[in-house]
Amino acid sequence: MRYSYQALDKRGATIMDVIEAATIPEAIDALRKEGLYVTDLQEATGRERVHKKVVVEKATADSGQMTVGQLLFFTRQMSMLLKAGSPVVPALASIGKQMKGPARAVVDKVRQDMEEGRGLADSLRQFSNTFSPIYTAIVGAGEMSAALPEMFERLAKLVHYRREIRNRLLSAAVYPALLIMLSISIMSTMILFILPRFQQLFLSLKAELPAATKVLFNLAATLRGHLPLVIIVAAGTLIGGVLYIRSATGRQHWANGQTRLPVLGRLFQRLIQAQWFRVMGLLLESRVGIMETLNLAANVTSNRDFRSLNQMVTEDLERGNRLAEGLSRSAMISPSIVQAILTGEESGHLDTALLFVAEVLDEENTQIINTLTKLVEPAILIVMGGLVGTMAMALFIPLFDLAASAH
């Protein structure tokens, strides 16, 4: 039987060819003995190949998805069980029993595929919503080098870092969001309930109102008179914004625009840099070839600027230049980072240099996030205090005038 296959060699280069074998497991074993990691294997005859392709696509379309927390649990459990000497299939069976819902279906499907002769990375690859190309490439490198426990340990660190960054950003945004909601609540209460009573009081007293107070009353009356429209517009804007951000176009626009935001743009740029360098370091440490590493690292972000940088560096390497040379031509990468990477290239420890740079960026990013959080909170309080104070002054000045005229 003839099988067409796609595989990675020890340098990470992609090889596409045909092999003859009695069964699929025998073909996989023969290719592994040649030092190849199989990423795709199909029967070379027309009908069977189409049928096989349809089955794979159906499995992908019907696949479940893990949350980041479940993915971290899965990765840590795999590292622990494999280090303890457990074979892969029993380890998957044990982890599957601890999962629930779609995550359990994912693990069970991976286990079933391995029992049928597929490789672990190939089995994981069909669930692309959970296991990224970077994740499966590191697992594949572990299969080729018989170092799966170490690879899962590295992956656990990578997934943990991803969850930490997300939680750190969410934590930094929670308190400012609460302050903004409190400000909106206070302003709404004053407009709907407090201002109408003051307006009736001043009308009953026939008081002469300052211009600021008249503007405030007119604005509040307009908002109350069109309250349903205001609510519909606000809710529509919020829902539309959420749906747009979740769409493919919205996500791409956000990815491209986040690095160009005032104040926050530099932070997002450094966060992407840290993840980019960390992924490249882990892939090189896992003995993935430099060209394949850059191809995979392009999936770290969909930001147009970083994808262009990744492409530029790749082309430089193809021309025989060093990684640091390509990075030095980008204004996004600081000279100190370029120098650290250049030193790593010259010493033959590029993976270590990239991971070191990622750690330094992580520490600096944490400090930036903490500083921005400390600055944003008082800024919101100042704005909220200014608005409430302005409204209070507009209400109390006429009262003071009335009290003074009464005496």
Foldseek 3Di string as FASTA:
>chain_A
DKKWFWWAALQQDIDTDIDDDDDPLVVCVVQLVVLIQTQDIFHPDDPRRVVVVVVLLVCLVPAFADDLVLLLVLLVQQLVCVVVPDDDLVSLVVSLVVDDDRSSVLSVQLSVVVVVRHDNLNSNVSPCNHQPPLNSLLCSLCVSVVNNSVSSVLVSVLSVVVVVVVVLVVVLVVLLVVLVVVLVVVVVCCLPPVLVVLVVVCVVVVFDADPLLVVSNVVSVVCVVCVVVVVVVVVCVVVVLVVLCPDPNNVLVCLQCQLVDPPRNLLVLLVLLLSLLLSLLSSVVSSHHNLSSLVRSCVSTSHPVVNVLSVQLSVCVVVVHDSLVSVVVDPSDDPVLSVLQVVCVVVVNNSVSSNVSSVVSVVVSSVSSVVVSVVSNVVSVVVSCVVVVSNVCSSCVSVVVVVVVVD
